[in-house]
Amino acid sequence: MQEDRFSQGPYRWLTVARPRKPEGTELQLALNSNPAAKAYQQAMFKQGQPAAMFFTDDVKGDYERIKARGAQFTMPPPT
C-alpha cells in the first residue's frame, strides 16, 4: 500500500493507494475535525447516502475478514 500524509493548518489526512497502481484509485482518510467536512457528512447521512461505497463479490466474507482485523461496523451487511 502506498501511503502519503498531508497537512494544512490544523487539518491532517492520509491517502492510500495500491502500490502497483499508485495513479489509480486513492482513498483519503481524515479526522472528522474539519467543520465543512463534518457538515457535509451529516447532511449526506440525513439523506441516507453512505460516506463510501465499495463493491465486492463476497460481502459477507469481506465483512468477516475486515472485522477480524479490528474494524468496527455500525451494522452487519444485509443478507
C-alpha atoms as a PDB file:
ATOM      1  CA  MET A   1       0.000   0.000   0.000  1.00  0.00           C
ATOM      2  CA  GLN A   2       1.368   3.410  -0.950  1.00  0.00           C
ATOM      3  CA  GLU A   3       0.798   5.999   1.753  1.00  0.00           C
ATOM      4  CA  ASP A   4       1.080   9.796   1.687  1.00  0.00           C
ATOM      5  CA  ARG A   5       0.466  12.134   4.624  1.00  0.00           C
ATOM      6  CA  PHE A   6      -0.684  15.728   4.226  1.00  0.00           C
ATOM      7  CA  SER A   7      -1.476  18.657   6.472  1.00  0.00           C
ATOM      8  CA  GLN A   8      -2.824  22.161   6.097  1.00  0.00           C
ATOM      9  CA  GLY A   9      -3.009  24.201   9.258  1.00  0.00           C
ATOM     10  CA  PRO A  10      -4.714  22.137  11.953  1.00  0.00           C
ATOM     11  CA  TYR A  11      -6.126  19.617   9.438  1.00  0.00           C
ATOM     12  CA  ARG A  12      -4.312  16.375   8.598  1.00  0.00           C
ATOM     13  CA  TRP A  13      -5.195  13.494   6.325  1.00  0.00           C
ATOM     14  CA  LEU A  14      -3.707  10.333   4.900  1.00  0.00           C
ATOM     15  CA  THR A  15      -4.162   8.931   1.427  1.00  0.00           C
ATOM     16  CA  VAL A  16      -3.570   5.320   0.467  1.00  0.00           C
ATOM     17  CA  ALA A  17      -3.336   3.671  -2.957  1.00  0.00           C
ATOM     18  CA  ARG A  18      -2.324   0.338  -4.410  1.00  0.00           C
ATOM     19  CA  PRO A  19       1.480   0.096  -4.690  1.00  0.00           C
ATOM     20  CA  ARG A  20       1.315  -1.410  -8.182  1.00  0.00           C
ATOM     21  CA  LYS A  21      -1.015   1.309  -9.443  1.00  0.00           C
ATOM     22  CA  PRO A  22      -0.391   4.496  -7.412  1.00  0.00           C
ATOM     23  CA  GLU A  23      -2.033   6.641 -10.103  1.00  0.00           C
ATOM     24  CA  GLY A  24      -5.286   4.658  -9.727  1.00  0.00           C
ATOM     25  CA  THR A  25      -7.989   4.898  -7.091  1.00  0.00           C
ATOM     26  CA  GLU A  26      -6.889   6.634  -3.920  1.00  0.00           C
ATOM     27  CA  LEU A  27      -8.617   6.536  -0.534  1.00  0.00           C
ATOM     28  CA  GLN A  28      -8.454   9.573   1.746  1.00  0.00           C
ATOM     29  CA  LEU A  29      -8.601   9.030   5.498  1.00  0.00           C
ATOM     30  CA  ALA A  30      -9.059  12.086   7.703  1.00  0.00           C
ATOM     31  CA  LEU A  31     -10.118  13.026  11.191  1.00  0.00           C
ATOM     32  CA  ASN A  32     -13.661  14.330  11.431  1.00  0.00           C
ATOM     33  CA  SER A  33     -12.470  17.693  12.780  1.00  0.00           C
ATOM     34  CA  ASN A  34     -12.952  19.891   9.693  1.00  0.00           C
ATOM     35  CA  PRO A  35     -16.258  21.750  10.239  1.00  0.00           C
ATOM     36  CA  ALA A  36     -17.063  21.884   6.494  1.00  0.00           C
ATOM     37  CA  ALA A  37     -16.416  18.171   6.038  1.00  0.00           C
ATOM     38  CA  LYS A  38     -18.421  17.298   9.140  1.00  0.00           C
ATOM     39  CA  ALA A  39     -21.430  19.354   7.944  1.00  0.00           C
ATOM     40  CA  TYR A  40     -21.258  17.619   4.534  1.00  0.00           C
ATOM     41  CA  GLN A  41     -21.034  14.192   6.174  1.00  0.00           C
ATOM     42  CA  GLN A  42     -24.026  14.876   8.418  1.00  0.00           C
ATOM     43  CA  ALA A  43     -26.119  16.186   5.500  1.00  0.00           C
ATOM     44  CA  MET A  44     -25.321  13.091   3.413  1.00  0.00           C
ATOM     45  CA  PHE A  45     -26.144  10.828   6.366  1.00  0.00           C
ATOM     46  CA  LYS A  46     -29.539  12.519   6.809  1.00  0.00           C
ATOM     47  CA  GLN A  47     -30.279  11.770   3.133  1.00  0.00           C
ATOM     48  CA  GLY A  48     -29.379   8.124   3.657  1.00  0.00           C
ATOM     49  CA  GLN A  49     -26.273   8.357   1.469  1.00  0.00           C
ATOM     50  CA  PRO A  50     -23.242   6.320   2.552  1.00  0.00           C
ATOM     51  CA  ALA A  51     -19.933   8.101   3.094  1.00  0.00           C
ATOM     52  CA  ALA A  52     -18.194   5.479   0.963  1.00  0.00           C
ATOM     53  CA  MET A  53     -19.243   2.611  -1.242  1.00  0.00           C
ATOM     54  CA  PHE A  54     -17.212  -0.486  -2.009  1.00  0.00           C
ATOM     55  CA  PHE A  55     -18.063  -3.240  -4.465  1.00  0.00           C
ATOM     56  CA  THR A  56     -17.368  -6.922  -3.863  1.00  0.00           C
ATOM     57  CA  ASP A  57     -18.489 -10.361  -4.964  1.00  0.00           C
ATOM     58  CA  ASP A  58     -18.402 -11.657  -1.356  1.00  0.00           C
ATOM     59  CA  VAL A  59     -19.750  -9.013   1.037  1.00  0.00           C
ATOM     60  CA  LYS A  60     -20.175 -11.447   3.941  1.00  0.00           C
ATOM     61  CA  GLY A  61     -16.665 -12.867   3.565  1.00  0.00           C
ATOM     62  CA  ASP A  62     -15.084  -9.426   3.225  1.00  0.00           C
ATOM     63  CA  TYR A  63     -17.061  -8.164   6.233  1.00  0.00           C
ATOM     64  CA  GLU A  64     -15.807 -11.058   8.384  1.00  0.00           C
ATOM     65  CA  ARG A  65     -12.191 -10.649   7.170  1.00  0.00           C
ATOM     66  CA  ILE A  66     -12.138  -6.881   7.806  1.00  0.00           C
ATOM     67  CA  LYS A  67     -13.909  -7.230  11.168  1.00  0.00           C
ATOM     68  CA  ALA A  68     -11.345  -9.842  12.243  1.00  0.00           C
ATOM     69  CA  ARG A  69      -8.628  -7.241  11.607  1.00  0.00           C
ATOM     70  CA  GLY A  70     -10.240  -4.870  14.104  1.00  0.00           C
ATOM     71  CA  ALA A  71     -12.586  -2.710  12.001  1.00  0.00           C
ATOM     72  CA  GLN A  72     -15.813  -1.639  13.663  1.00  0.00           C
ATOM     73  CA  PHE A  73     -19.086  -1.547  11.739  1.00  0.00           C
ATOM     74  CA  THR A  74     -22.354   0.132  12.715  1.00  0.00           C
ATOM     75  CA  MET A  75     -24.260  -2.896  11.395  1.00  0.00           C
ATOM     76  CA  PRO A  76     -23.549  -6.172   9.601  1.00  0.00           C
ATOM     77  CA  PRO A  77     -24.108  -6.391   5.856  1.00  0.00           C
ATOM     78  CA  PRO A  78     -27.590  -7.342   4.688  1.00  0.00           C
ATOM     79  CA  THR A  79     -28.101 -10.998   3.874  1.00  0.00           C
END
